Amino acid sequence: MGRPTIDDIARKVGVSRGAVSFALNGRPGVSEETRARILAAAEEMNWSPHSAARALGGARAQAAGLVIARPARTIGVEPFFAHLLSGLQAGLSARSVALHLLVVEDTAAEIEVYRGWAREHRVDGFILVDLQVSDPRIAVIEELGVPAVVLGGPGKHGTLSSVWADDREAMLSIADYLAALGHTRVAHVAGLPGFRHTQRRIRALRDASRRLGLAEVLSVPTDFSDAEGAAATRSLLSRATRPSAIVYDSDVMAVAGLGVAAEMGVKVPTELSIVAFDDSVLNRIVHPALTALSRDTFTLGEKVAETLLETLEEPSRPRDVKTPTPRLTVRESTAPAAKAI
């Protein structure tokens, strides 16, 4: 059998098509006894509203859309996304709103999903992550007229709402701490160079270098994967003058870098200090445990969900929500720089 229709329900109950429409949409025009019979028949036939018809009627889809343009393998091992998704779903579920998640390979595919979901009225709003430099998605979302929240940095994102933390301030806190320990050669295993938060972190470390008088800072872009994190670490530790401290843009890459240091006989923290930009259980179960920037990513997801729900209620008033800056949690992977012989 095909998808049941309003006409099928009308035939089963023995009423007009209009009566079925009134009953299913909670409108007056039918008796309570008839409404109960129609709803019972609809449930028995497993009827659900067609998305196009629902869109024409102005009804909500009761769903939010999140499309992530990253390799699926890197997301599968990234604790940050697991905690973020948990917080998002918890915040949305409290209002009986579902989360539609799709992982795609690139931005062009991501934009096509936005257009398709908007056209089919699959979702009521979007959540955008990994804000890009000159991000083409902002104009597309505005053109579609679908409410959205950007999880990203400070500043205007067109007419879209935003939830953000101060990545620059967080990176400056790392630089100040490492400089206080006597480190003058600091490397940064960064994320994708097209992301705004990657660029903010790179600029913050460079600015701190001038202010603190560091001898050398070097940022190496990667795709956030453990493989590229390990490769970047191996290259940095093979230099004639290697860094005495490395900052990683994710906990997964930091753990991979710790493994490479052990492989190459570089002792952590006496010969190399390691700091992770994200914190998770991974940083606490390795030896030595990793110093990291800590924040409650689950709560961050809840705040994004809350902001989207508020934006759905008042689409004409974009929100700008700053969340707490991640704080440095010092563990065993950092120590004063070894004195040059």
C-alpha atoms as a PDB file:
ATOM      1  CA  MET A   1       0.000   0.000   0.000  1.00  0.00           C
ATOM      2  CA  GLY A   2       1.114   3.562  -0.685  1.00  0.00           C
ATOM      3  CA  ARG A   3       1.165   6.437   1.740  1.00  0.00           C
ATOM      4  CA  PRO A   4      -2.357   6.922   3.208  1.00  0.00           C
ATOM      5  CA  THR A   5      -4.058  10.193   2.294  1.00  0.00           C
ATOM      6  CA  ILE A   6      -6.835  12.353   3.707  1.00  0.00           C
ATOM      7  CA  ASP A   7      -9.148  10.840   1.083  1.00  0.00           C
ATOM      8  CA  ASP A   8      -8.349   7.329   2.382  1.00  0.00           C
ATOM      9  CA  ILE A   9      -9.254   8.393   5.915  1.00  0.00           C
ATOM     10  CA  ALA A  10     -12.473  10.034   4.695  1.00  0.00           C
ATOM     11  CA  ARG A  11     -13.543   6.818   2.927  1.00  0.00           C
ATOM     12  CA  LYS A  12     -12.742   4.684   5.942  1.00  0.00           C
ATOM     13  CA  VAL A  13     -14.706   6.873   8.383  1.00  0.00           C
ATOM     14  CA  GLY A  14     -17.479   7.749   5.927  1.00  0.00           C
ATOM     15  CA  VAL A  15     -17.143  11.528   6.150  1.00  0.00           C
ATOM     16  CA  SER A  16     -16.146  14.310   3.775  1.00  0.00           C
ATOM     17  CA  ARG A  17     -12.562  15.240   2.965  1.00  0.00           C
ATOM     18  CA  GLY A  18     -13.151  18.641   4.566  1.00  0.00           C
ATOM     19  CA  ALA A  19     -14.251  17.034   7.833  1.00  0.00           C
ATOM     20  CA  VAL A  20     -11.018  15.047   7.945  1.00  0.00           C
ATOM     21  CA  SER A  21      -8.987  18.193   7.307  1.00  0.00           C
ATOM     22  CA  PHE A  22     -10.813  20.040  10.103  1.00  0.00           C
ATOM     23  CA  ALA A  23     -10.231  17.193  12.552  1.00  0.00           C
ATOM     24  CA  LEU A  24      -6.555  16.646  11.750  1.00  0.00           C
ATOM     25  CA  ASN A  25      -5.755  20.343  11.986  1.00  0.00           C
ATOM     26  CA  GLY A  26      -7.700  20.868  15.225  1.00  0.00           C
ATOM     27  CA  ARG A  27     -10.162  23.270  13.633  1.00  0.00           C
ATOM     28  CA  PRO A  28     -13.877  23.605  14.517  1.00  0.00           C
ATOM     29  CA  GLY A  29     -16.511  22.257  12.152  1.00  0.00           C
ATOM     30  CA  VAL A  30     -16.879  18.638  13.275  1.00  0.00           C
ATOM     31  CA  SER A  31     -18.337  17.094  16.405  1.00  0.00           C
ATOM     32  CA  GLU A  32     -16.042  15.700  19.076  1.00  0.00           C
ATOM     33  CA  GLU A  33     -17.340  12.189  18.377  1.00  0.00           C
ATOM     34  CA  THR A  34     -16.516  12.517  14.661  1.00  0.00           C
ATOM     35  CA  ARG A  35     -13.133  14.080  15.434  1.00  0.00           C
ATOM     36  CA  ALA A  36     -12.262  11.144  17.708  1.00  0.00           C
ATOM     37  CA  ARG A  37     -13.219   8.619  14.988  1.00  0.00           C
ATOM     38  CA  ILE A  38     -11.116  10.457  12.388  1.00  0.00           C
ATOM     39  CA  LEU A  39      -8.059  10.672  14.665  1.00  0.00           C
ATOM     40  CA  ALA A  40      -8.391   6.993  15.560  1.00  0.00           C
ATOM     41  CA  ALA A  41      -8.543   6.042  11.878  1.00  0.00           C
ATOM     42  CA  ALA A  42      -5.538   8.232  11.070  1.00  0.00           C
ATOM     43  CA  GLU A  43      -3.510   6.556  13.815  1.00  0.00           C
ATOM     44  CA  GLU A  44      -4.609   3.087  12.703  1.00  0.00           C
ATOM     45  CA  MET A  45      -3.580   3.840   9.114  1.00  0.00           C
ATOM     46  CA  ASN A  46      -0.248   5.343  10.273  1.00  0.00           C
ATOM     47  CA  TRP A  47      -1.071   8.603   8.522  1.00  0.00           C
ATOM     48  CA  SER A  48       1.370  11.535   8.700  1.00  0.00           C
ATOM     49  CA  PRO A  49       1.147  14.942   7.022  1.00  0.00           C
ATOM     50  CA  HIS A  50       2.991  15.389   3.741  1.00  0.00           C
ATOM     51  CA  SER A  51       5.843  17.878   4.152  1.00  0.00           C
ATOM     52  CA  ALA A  52       4.800  19.976   1.149  1.00  0.00           C
ATOM     53  CA  ALA A  53       1.219  20.190   2.341  1.00  0.00           C
ATOM     54  CA  ARG A  54       2.409  21.053   5.818  1.00  0.00           C
ATOM     55  CA  ALA A  55       4.559  23.848   4.391  1.00  0.00           C
ATOM     56  CA  LEU A  56       1.639  25.298   2.444  1.00  0.00           C
ATOM     57  CA  GLY A  57      -0.442  25.224   5.602  1.00  0.00           C
ATOM     58  CA  GLY A  58       2.222  27.088   7.582  1.00  0.00           C
ATOM     59  CA  ALA A  59       2.622  24.298  10.150  1.00  0.00           C
ATOM     60  CA  ARG A  60       5.960  23.719  11.810  1.00  0.00           C
ATOM     61  CA  ALA A  61       8.090  20.693  11.079  1.00  0.00           C
ATOM     62  CA  GLN A  62       9.144  20.461  14.751  1.00  0.00           C
ATOM     63  CA  ALA A  63      12.733  19.818  13.693  1.00  0.00           C
ATOM     64  CA  ALA A  64      16.068  21.649  13.514  1.00  0.00           C
ATOM     65  CA  GLY A  65      18.700  20.941  10.879  1.00  0.00           C
ATOM     66  CA  LEU A  66      22.446  20.523  11.376  1.00  0.00           C
ATOM     67  CA  VAL A  67      24.693  19.780   8.390  1.00  0.00           C
ATOM     68  CA  ILE A  68      28.409  19.195   9.015  1.00  0.00           C
ATOM     69  CA  ALA A  69      30.865  19.409   6.128  1.00  0.00           C
ATOM     70  CA  ARG A  70      33.765  17.415   7.506  1.00  0.00           C
ATOM     71  CA  PRO A  71      35.108  13.937   6.816  1.00  0.00           C
ATOM     72  CA  ALA A  72      32.842  11.515   8.697  1.00  0.00           C
ATOM     73  CA  ARG A  73      35.865   9.665  10.084  1.00  0.00           C
ATOM     74  CA  THR A  74      37.148  12.747  11.934  1.00  0.00           C
ATOM     75  CA  ILE A  75      33.743  13.466  13.478  1.00  0.00           C
ATOM     76  CA  GLY A  76      33.394   9.862  14.611  1.00  0.00           C
ATOM     77  CA  VAL A  77      36.379  10.173  16.956  1.00  0.00           C
ATOM     78  CA  GLU A  78      35.871  13.791  18.033  1.00  0.00           C
ATOM     79  CA  PRO A  79      34.479  14.075  21.604  1.00  0.00           C
ATOM     80  CA  PHE A  80      33.609  17.762  21.062  1.00  0.00           C
ATOM     81  CA  PHE A  81      30.911  16.903  18.523  1.00  0.00           C
ATOM     82  CA  ALA A  82      29.533  14.054  20.625  1.00  0.00           C
ATOM     83  CA  HIS A  83      29.048  16.385  23.599  1.00  0.00           C
ATOM     84  CA  LEU A  84      27.709  19.207  21.420  1.00  0.00           C
ATOM     85  CA  LEU A  85      25.150  16.943  19.751  1.00  0.00           C
ATOM     86  CA  SER A  86      24.045  15.568  23.122  1.00  0.00           C
ATOM     87  CA  GLY A  87      23.466  19.071  24.439  1.00  0.00           C
ATOM     88  CA  LEU A  88      21.644  20.147  21.269  1.00  0.00           C
ATOM     89  CA  GLN A  89      19.305  17.181  21.378  1.00  0.00           C
ATOM     90  CA  ALA A  90      18.630  17.620  25.089  1.00  0.00           C
ATOM     91  CA  GLY A  91      17.734  21.272  24.595  1.00  0.00           C
ATOM     92  CA  LEU A  92      15.527  20.593  21.583  1.00  0.00           C
ATOM     93  CA  SER A  93      13.843  17.499  23.025  1.00  0.00           C
ATOM     94  CA  ALA A  94      12.588  19.520  25.968  1.00  0.00           C
ATOM     95  CA  ARG A  95      10.334  21.272  23.435  1.00  0.00           C
ATOM     96  CA  SER A  96       9.600  18.096  21.416  1.00  0.00           C
ATOM     97  CA  VAL A  97      11.799  19.315  18.548  1.00  0.00           C
ATOM     98  CA  ALA A  98      13.891  16.745  16.655  1.00  0.00           C
ATOM     99  CA  LEU A  99      17.435  17.209  15.369  1.00  0.00           C
ATOM    100  CA  HIS A 100      18.056  16.307  11.716  1.00  0.00           C
ATOM    101  CA  LEU A 101      21.795  15.631  11.269  1.00  0.00           C
ATOM    102  CA  LEU A 102      23.617  15.050   7.993  1.00  0.00           C
ATOM    103  CA  VAL A 103      27.369  14.776   7.362  1.00  0.00           C
ATOM    104  CA  VAL A 104      28.542  15.833   3.894  1.00  0.00           C
ATOM    105  CA  GLU A 105      31.894  16.182   2.191  1.00  0.00           C
ATOM    106  CA  ASP A 106      32.039  19.896   1.334  1.00  0.00           C
ATOM    107  CA  THR A 107      30.337  23.268   1.557  1.00  0.00           C
ATOM    108  CA  ALA A 108      28.661  22.965  -1.848  1.00  0.00           C
ATOM    109  CA  ALA A 109      26.915  19.781  -0.734  1.00  0.00           C
ATOM    110  CA  GLU A 110      25.992  21.430   2.568  1.00  0.00           C
ATOM    111  CA  ILE A 111      24.320  24.334   0.755  1.00  0.00           C
ATOM    112  CA  GLU A 112      22.341  21.946  -1.446  1.00  0.00           C
ATOM    113  CA  VAL A 113      21.002  20.242   1.674  1.00  0.00           C
ATOM    114  CA  TYR A 114      19.907  23.612   3.076  1.00  0.00           C
ATOM    115  CA  ARG A 115      18.045  24.397  -0.141  1.00  0.00           C
ATOM    116  CA  GLY A 116      16.401  20.969  -0.241  1.00  0.00           C
ATOM    117  CA  TRP A 117      15.332  20.950   3.398  1.00  0.00           C
ATOM    118  CA  ALA A 118      13.955  24.487   3.116  1.00  0.00           C
ATOM    119  CA  ARG A 119      12.071  23.646  -0.085  1.00  0.00           C
ATOM    120  CA  GLU A 120      10.545  20.522   1.470  1.00  0.00           C
ATOM    121  CA  HIS A 121       9.924  22.213   4.834  1.00  0.00           C
ATOM    122  CA  ARG A 122      11.887  19.479   6.592  1.00  0.00           C
ATOM    123  CA  VAL A 123      13.095  21.778   9.368  1.00  0.00           C
ATOM    124  CA  ASP A 124      12.051  25.008  11.073  1.00  0.00           C
ATOM    125  CA  GLY A 125      15.573  26.340  11.501  1.00  0.00           C
ATOM    126  CA  PHE A 126      19.252  25.608  10.931  1.00  0.00           C
ATOM    127  CA  ILE A 127      22.323  25.390  13.153  1.00  0.00           C
ATOM    128  CA  LEU A 128      25.554  26.355  11.396  1.00  0.00           C
ATOM    129  CA  VAL A 129      28.943  25.206  12.694  1.00  0.00           C
ATOM    130  CA  ASP A 130      32.525  25.703  11.508  1.00  0.00           C
ATOM    131  CA  LEU A 131      32.063  29.318  10.431  1.00  0.00           C
ATOM    132  CA  GLN A 132      34.275  30.030   7.429  1.00  0.00           C
ATOM    133  CA  VAL A 133      36.229  33.033   6.240  1.00  0.00           C
ATOM    134  CA  SER A 134      33.905  34.812   3.731  1.00  0.00           C
ATOM    135  CA  ASP A 135      31.317  32.153   4.504  1.00  0.00           C
ATOM    136  CA  PRO A 136      28.962  31.622   1.514  1.00  0.00           C
ATOM    137  CA  ARG A 137      26.363  29.865   3.677  1.00  0.00           C
ATOM    138  CA  ILE A 138      25.243  33.045   5.457  1.00  0.00           C
ATOM    139  CA  ALA A 139      23.812  34.658   2.291  1.00  0.00           C
ATOM    140  CA  VAL A 140      22.152  31.386   1.260  1.00  0.00           C
ATOM    141  CA  ILE A 141      20.373  30.986   4.608  1.00  0.00           C
ATOM    142  CA  GLU A 142      19.235  34.618   4.480  1.00  0.00           C
ATOM    143  CA  GLU A 143      17.951  34.095   0.942  1.00  0.00           C
ATOM    144  CA  LEU A 144      15.996  31.019   2.052  1.00  0.00           C
ATOM    145  CA  GLY A 145      14.421  32.983   4.892  1.00  0.00           C
ATOM    146  CA  VAL A 146      14.864  30.159   7.396  1.00  0.00           C
ATOM    147  CA  PRO A 147      15.802  31.134  10.981  1.00  0.00           C
ATOM    148  CA  ALA A 148      19.298  30.015  11.937  1.00  0.00           C
ATOM    149  CA  VAL A 149      21.908  30.154  14.688  1.00  0.00           C
ATOM    150  CA  VAL A 150      25.625  30.285  13.973  1.00  0.00           C
ATOM    151  CA  LEU A 151      27.948  28.600  16.429  1.00  0.00           C
ATOM    152  CA  GLY A 152      30.969  30.769  15.850  1.00  0.00           C
ATOM    153  CA  GLY A 153      32.939  33.827  16.775  1.00  0.00           C
ATOM    154  CA  PRO A 154      32.077  37.430  17.582  1.00  0.00           C
ATOM    155  CA  GLY A 155      30.819  39.908  15.019  1.00  0.00           C
ATOM    156  CA  LYS A 156      27.809  40.125  12.741  1.00  0.00           C
ATOM    157  CA  HIS A 157      26.757  37.115  10.697  1.00  0.00           C
ATOM    158  CA  GLY A 158      24.258  38.875   8.493  1.00  0.00           C
ATOM    159  CA  THR A 159      20.854  38.731  10.150  1.00  0.00           C
ATOM    160  CA  LEU A 160      21.495  35.356  11.792  1.00  0.00           C
ATOM    161  CA  SER A 161      21.660  34.716  15.523  1.00  0.00           C
ATOM    162  CA  SER A 162      24.957  33.565  17.012  1.00  0.00           C
ATOM    163  CA  VAL A 163      26.334  31.736  20.030  1.00  0.00           C
ATOM    164  CA  TRP A 164      30.059  32.052  20.599  1.00  0.00           C
ATOM    165  CA  ALA A 165      33.012  31.840  22.947  1.00  0.00           C
ATOM    166  CA  ASP A 166      36.127  33.995  22.798  1.00  0.00           C
ATOM    167  CA  ASP A 167      38.708  31.786  21.049  1.00  0.00           C
ATOM    168  CA  ARG A 168      41.182  34.633  20.949  1.00  0.00           C
ATOM    169  CA  GLU A 169      41.117  35.202  24.690  1.00  0.00           C
ATOM    170  CA  ALA A 170      41.435  31.457  25.256  1.00  0.00           C
ATOM    171  CA  MET A 171      44.537  31.201  23.043  1.00  0.00           C
ATOM    172  CA  LEU A 172      46.078  34.238  24.732  1.00  0.00           C
ATOM    173  CA  SER A 173      45.679  32.514  28.101  1.00  0.00           C
ATOM    174  CA  ILE A 174      47.649  29.526  26.784  1.00  0.00           C
ATOM    175  CA  ALA A 175      50.412  31.756  25.413  1.00  0.00           C
ATOM    176  CA  ASP A 176      50.694  33.670  28.706  1.00  0.00           C
ATOM    177  CA  TYR A 177      50.910  30.421  30.669  1.00  0.00           C
ATOM    178  CA  LEU A 178      53.585  28.881  28.434  1.00  0.00           C
ATOM    179  CA  ALA A 179      55.613  32.108  28.459  1.00  0.00           C
ATOM    180  CA  ALA A 180      55.443  32.147  32.260  1.00  0.00           C
ATOM    181  CA  LEU A 181      56.936  28.645  32.222  1.00  0.00           C
ATOM    182  CA  GLY A 182      59.838  29.961  30.146  1.00  0.00           C
ATOM    183  CA  HIS A 183      58.814  28.582  26.748  1.00  0.00           C
ATOM    184  CA  THR A 184      60.008  30.776  23.879  1.00  0.00           C
ATOM    185  CA  ARG A 185      59.529  28.385  20.944  1.00  0.00           C
ATOM    186  CA  VAL A 186      55.860  27.444  20.634  1.00  0.00           C
ATOM    187  CA  ALA A 187      54.220  25.505  17.822  1.00  0.00           C
ATOM    188  CA  HIS A 188      50.505  25.349  17.067  1.00  0.00           C
ATOM    189  CA  VAL A 189      48.957  22.327  15.351  1.00  0.00           C
ATOM    190  CA  ALA A 190      45.912  24.139  13.998  1.00  0.00           C
ATOM    191  CA  GLY A 191      42.679  23.066  12.352  1.00  0.00           C
ATOM    192  CA  LEU A 192      41.392  23.787   8.861  1.00  0.00           C
ATOM    193  CA  PRO A 193      42.749  27.153   7.661  1.00  0.00           C
ATOM    194  CA  GLY A 194      39.413  28.179   6.097  1.00  0.00           C
ATOM    195  CA  PHE A 195      37.658  28.219   9.471  1.00  0.00           C
ATOM    196  CA  ARG A 196      37.336  31.548  11.257  1.00  0.00           C
ATOM    197  CA  HIS A 197      38.134  30.078  14.655  1.00  0.00           C
ATOM    198  CA  THR A 198      41.369  28.618  13.243  1.00  0.00           C
ATOM    199  CA  GLN A 199      42.387  32.043  11.930  1.00  0.00           C
ATOM    200  CA  ARG A 200      41.514  33.734  15.237  1.00  0.00           C
ATOM    201  CA  ARG A 201      43.692  31.298  17.159  1.00  0.00           C
ATOM    202  CA  ILE A 202      46.608  31.697  14.727  1.00  0.00           C
ATOM    203  CA  ARG A 203      46.428  35.503  14.931  1.00  0.00           C
ATOM    204  CA  ALA A 204      46.107  35.442  18.731  1.00  0.00           C
ATOM    205  CA  LEU A 205      49.245  33.330  19.110  1.00  0.00           C
ATOM    206  CA  ARG A 206      51.148  35.536  16.672  1.00  0.00           C
ATOM    207  CA  ASP A 207      50.064  38.691  18.529  1.00  0.00           C
ATOM    208  CA  ALA A 208      51.012  37.139  21.871  1.00  0.00           C
ATOM    209  CA  SER A 209      54.418  36.248  20.488  1.00  0.00           C
ATOM    210  CA  ARG A 210      55.209  39.894  19.802  1.00  0.00           C
ATOM    211  CA  ARG A 211      53.870  41.018  23.172  1.00  0.00           C
ATOM    212  CA  LEU A 212      55.699  38.311  25.142  1.00  0.00           C
ATOM    213  CA  GLY A 213      58.933  38.406  23.132  1.00  0.00           C
ATOM    214  CA  LEU A 214      58.832  34.752  22.103  1.00  0.00           C
ATOM    215  CA  ALA A 215      61.676  33.616  19.857  1.00  0.00           C
ATOM    216  CA  GLU A 216      59.455  31.662  17.437  1.00  0.00           C
ATOM    217  CA  VAL A 217      55.841  30.650  16.947  1.00  0.00           C
ATOM    218  CA  LEU A 218      54.699  28.413  14.118  1.00  0.00           C
ATOM    219  CA  SER A 219      51.159  27.349  13.174  1.00  0.00           C
ATOM    220  CA  VAL A 220      50.645  24.230  11.053  1.00  0.00           C
ATOM    221  CA  PRO A 221      47.134  23.737   9.565  1.00  0.00           C
ATOM    222  CA  THR A 222      45.548  20.255   9.535  1.00  0.00           C
ATOM    223  CA  ASP A 223      42.127  18.658   9.012  1.00  0.00           C
ATOM    224  CA  PHE A 224      41.703  17.998  12.783  1.00  0.00           C
ATOM    225  CA  SER A 225      42.348  14.254  12.302  1.00  0.00           C
ATOM    226  CA  ASP A 226      44.631  12.200  14.509  1.00  0.00           C
ATOM    227  CA  ALA A 227      46.637  11.195  11.418  1.00  0.00           C
ATOM    228  CA  GLU A 228      47.421  14.780  10.398  1.00  0.00           C
ATOM    229  CA  GLY A 229      47.978  15.780  14.018  1.00  0.00           C
ATOM    230  CA  ALA A 230      50.552  13.006  14.332  1.00  0.00           C
ATOM    231  CA  ALA A 231      52.214  13.908  11.012  1.00  0.00           C
ATOM    232  CA  ALA A 232      52.472  17.583  11.985  1.00  0.00           C
ATOM    233  CA  THR A 233      54.000  16.643  15.355  1.00  0.00           C
ATOM    234  CA  ARG A 234      56.535  14.336  13.725  1.00  0.00           C
ATOM    235  CA  SER A 235      57.599  17.131  11.372  1.00  0.00           C
ATOM    236  CA  LEU A 236      57.885  19.695  14.185  1.00  0.00           C
ATOM    237  CA  LEU A 237      59.933  17.396  16.409  1.00  0.00           C
ATOM    238  CA  SER A 238      62.260  16.586  13.498  1.00  0.00           C
ATOM    239  CA  ARG A 239      63.315  20.217  13.077  1.00  0.00           C
ATOM    240  CA  ALA A 240      66.895  21.219  13.921  1.00  0.00           C
ATOM    241  CA  THR A 241      65.495  23.639  16.482  1.00  0.00           C
ATOM    242  CA  ARG A 242      62.312  22.051  17.704  1.00  0.00           C
ATOM    243  CA  PRO A 243      59.607  23.719  19.793  1.00  0.00           C
ATOM    244  CA  SER A 244      59.566  23.256  23.544  1.00  0.00           C
ATOM    245  CA  ALA A 245      55.756  23.471  23.619  1.00  0.00           C
ATOM    246  CA  ILE A 246      52.986  22.497  21.182  1.00  0.00           C
ATOM    247  CA  VAL A 247      49.367  23.669  21.317  1.00  0.00           C
ATOM    248  CA  TYR A 248      46.810  21.451  19.548  1.00  0.00           C
ATOM    249  CA  ASP A 249      43.438  22.654  18.259  1.00  0.00           C
ATOM    250  CA  SER A 250      41.704  19.445  19.396  1.00  0.00           C
ATOM    251  CA  ASP A 251      42.115  16.807  22.070  1.00  0.00           C
ATOM    252  CA  VAL A 252      42.276  14.032  19.468  1.00  0.00           C
ATOM    253  CA  MET A 253      45.291  15.639  17.800  1.00  0.00           C
ATOM    254  CA  ALA A 254      46.920  16.309  21.171  1.00  0.00           C
ATOM    255  CA  VAL A 255      46.670  12.648  22.153  1.00  0.00           C
ATOM    256  CA  ALA A 256      48.114  11.674  18.759  1.00  0.00           C
ATOM    257  CA  GLY A 257      50.954  14.158  19.295  1.00  0.00           C
ATOM    258  CA  LEU A 258      51.685  12.685  22.718  1.00  0.00           C
ATOM    259  CA  GLY A 259      52.041   9.277  21.071  1.00  0.00           C
ATOM    260  CA  VAL A 260      54.480  10.649  18.480  1.00  0.00           C
ATOM    261  CA  ALA A 261      56.590  12.269  21.202  1.00  0.00           C
ATOM    262  CA  ALA A 262      56.883   8.889  22.939  1.00  0.00           C
ATOM    263  CA  GLU A 263      57.715   7.219  19.630  1.00  0.00           C
ATOM    264  CA  MET A 264      60.554   9.727  19.029  1.00  0.00           C
ATOM    265  CA  GLY A 265      61.900   9.559  22.578  1.00  0.00           C
ATOM    266  CA  VAL A 266      60.894  13.133  23.438  1.00  0.00           C
ATOM    267  CA  LYS A 267      59.897  13.244  27.090  1.00  0.00           C
ATOM    268  CA  VAL A 268      56.681  15.010  28.087  1.00  0.00           C
ATOM    269  CA  PRO A 269      56.746  17.369  29.939  1.00  0.00           C
ATOM    270  CA  THR A 270      60.491  17.691  30.688  1.00  0.00           C
ATOM    271  CA  GLU A 271      61.467  18.142  27.019  1.00  0.00           C
ATOM    272  CA  LEU A 272      58.120  19.065  25.491  1.00  0.00           C
ATOM    273  CA  SER A 273      54.983  20.628  26.964  1.00  0.00           C
ATOM    274  CA  ILE A 274      51.616  19.810  25.355  1.00  0.00           C
ATOM    275  CA  VAL A 275      48.348  21.767  25.588  1.00  0.00           C
ATOM    276  CA  ALA A 276      45.003  20.791  24.010  1.00  0.00           C
ATOM    277  CA  PHE A 277      42.481  23.438  22.978  1.00  0.00           C
ATOM    278  CA  ASP A 278      39.539  21.126  23.761  1.00  0.00           C
ATOM    279  CA  ASP A 279      39.130  19.025  26.881  1.00  0.00           C
ATOM    280  CA  SER A 280      37.577  15.560  27.219  1.00  0.00           C
ATOM    281  CA  VAL A 281      38.062  12.266  28.986  1.00  0.00           C
ATOM    282  CA  LEU A 282      40.786  11.484  26.422  1.00  0.00           C
ATOM    283  CA  ASN A 283      43.031  14.115  28.003  1.00  0.00           C
ATOM    284  CA  ARG A 284      42.559  12.661  31.469  1.00  0.00           C
ATOM    285  CA  ILE A 285      43.163   8.969  30.739  1.00  0.00           C
ATOM    286  CA  VAL A 286      46.482   9.278  28.894  1.00  0.00           C
ATOM    287  CA  HIS A 287      49.818   9.502  30.669  1.00  0.00           C
ATOM    288  CA  PRO A 288      50.831  12.122  31.364  1.00  0.00           C
ATOM    289  CA  ALA A 289      47.362  13.689  31.557  1.00  0.00           C
ATOM    290  CA  LEU A 290      47.078  16.654  29.198  1.00  0.00           C
ATOM    291  CA  THR A 291      46.758  20.303  30.131  1.00  0.00           C
ATOM    292  CA  ALA A 292      43.720  21.643  28.254  1.00  0.00           C
ATOM    293  CA  LEU A 293      41.216  24.438  27.801  1.00  0.00           C
ATOM    294  CA  SER A 294      38.065  23.200  29.498  1.00  0.00           C
ATOM    295  CA  ARG A 295      34.444  24.118  28.899  1.00  0.00           C
ATOM    296  CA  ASP A 296      31.089  22.426  29.294  1.00  0.00           C
ATOM    297  CA  THR A 297      30.370  21.499  25.686  1.00  0.00           C
ATOM    298  CA  PHE A 298      27.084  19.802  26.607  1.00  0.00           C
ATOM    299  CA  THR A 299      25.846  23.078  28.110  1.00  0.00           C
ATOM    300  CA  LEU A 300      27.084  24.912  25.011  1.00  0.00           C
ATOM    301  CA  GLY A 301      24.866  22.636  22.890  1.00  0.00           C
ATOM    302  CA  GLU A 302      21.910  23.351  25.173  1.00  0.00           C
ATOM    303  CA  LYS A 303      22.511  27.108  24.805  1.00  0.00           C
ATOM    304  CA  VAL A 304      22.570  26.823  21.000  1.00  0.00           C
ATOM    305  CA  ALA A 305      19.281  24.890  21.092  1.00  0.00           C
ATOM    306  CA  GLU A 306      17.726  27.463  23.429  1.00  0.00           C
ATOM    307  CA  THR A 307      18.856  30.326  21.186  1.00  0.00           C
ATOM    308  CA  LEU A 308      17.419  28.650  18.084  1.00  0.00           C
ATOM    309  CA  LEU A 309      14.062  28.072  19.794  1.00  0.00           C
ATOM    310  CA  GLU A 310      13.968  31.730  20.862  1.00  0.00           C
ATOM    311  CA  THR A 311      14.844  32.799  17.320  1.00  0.00           C
ATOM    312  CA  LEU A 312      12.017  30.670  15.923  1.00  0.00           C
ATOM    313  CA  GLU A 313       9.604  32.575  18.146  1.00  0.00           C
ATOM    314  CA  GLU A 314      10.993  35.989  17.125  1.00  0.00           C
ATOM    315  CA  PRO A 315      12.797  35.603  13.778  1.00  0.00           C
ATOM    316  CA  SER A 316      13.094  39.362  13.309  1.00  0.00           C
ATOM    317  CA  ARG A 317      15.295  39.745  16.417  1.00  0.00           C
ATOM    318  CA  PRO A 318      18.648  38.002  16.007  1.00  0.00           C
ATOM    319  CA  ARG A 319      20.410  36.977  19.210  1.00  0.00           C
ATOM    320  CA  ASP A 320      24.093  37.476  20.019  1.00  0.00           C
ATOM    321  CA  VAL A 321      24.991  35.162  22.901  1.00  0.00           C
ATOM    322  CA  LYS A 322      28.481  35.048  24.380  1.00  0.00           C
ATOM    323  CA  THR A 323      29.252  31.936  26.412  1.00  0.00           C
ATOM    324  CA  PRO A 324      32.034  31.615  29.035  1.00  0.00           C
ATOM    325  CA  THR A 325      35.593  31.607  27.708  1.00  0.00           C
ATOM    326  CA  PRO A 326      37.231  28.173  28.080  1.00  0.00           C
ATOM    327  CA  ARG A 327      39.569  28.079  31.080  1.00  0.00           C
ATOM    328  CA  LEU A 328      42.964  26.448  31.302  1.00  0.00           C
ATOM    329  CA  THR A 329      43.057  23.229  33.324  1.00  0.00           C
ATOM    330  CA  VAL A 330      46.677  22.452  34.178  1.00  0.00           C
ATOM    331  CA  ARG A 331      47.672  18.791  34.321  1.00  0.00           C
ATOM    332  CA  GLU A 332      50.906  16.813  33.993  1.00  0.00           C
ATOM    333  CA  SER A 333      51.755  17.537  30.324  1.00  0.00           C
ATOM    334  CA  THR A 334      53.191  21.023  30.947  1.00  0.00           C
ATOM    335  CA  ALA A 335      56.286  22.054  32.899  1.00  0.00           C
ATOM    336  CA  PRO A 336      58.921  24.799  32.911  1.00  0.00           C
ATOM    337  CA  ALA A 337      61.001  24.849  29.743  1.00  0.00           C
ATOM    338  CA  ALA A 338      64.296  22.979  29.959  1.00  0.00           C
ATOM    339  CA  LYS A 339      67.268  25.324  30.167  1.00  0.00           C
ATOM    340  CA  ALA A 340      69.453  25.407  27.069  1.00  0.00           C
ATOM    341  CA  ILE A 341      72.832  23.732  27.543  1.00  0.00           C
END
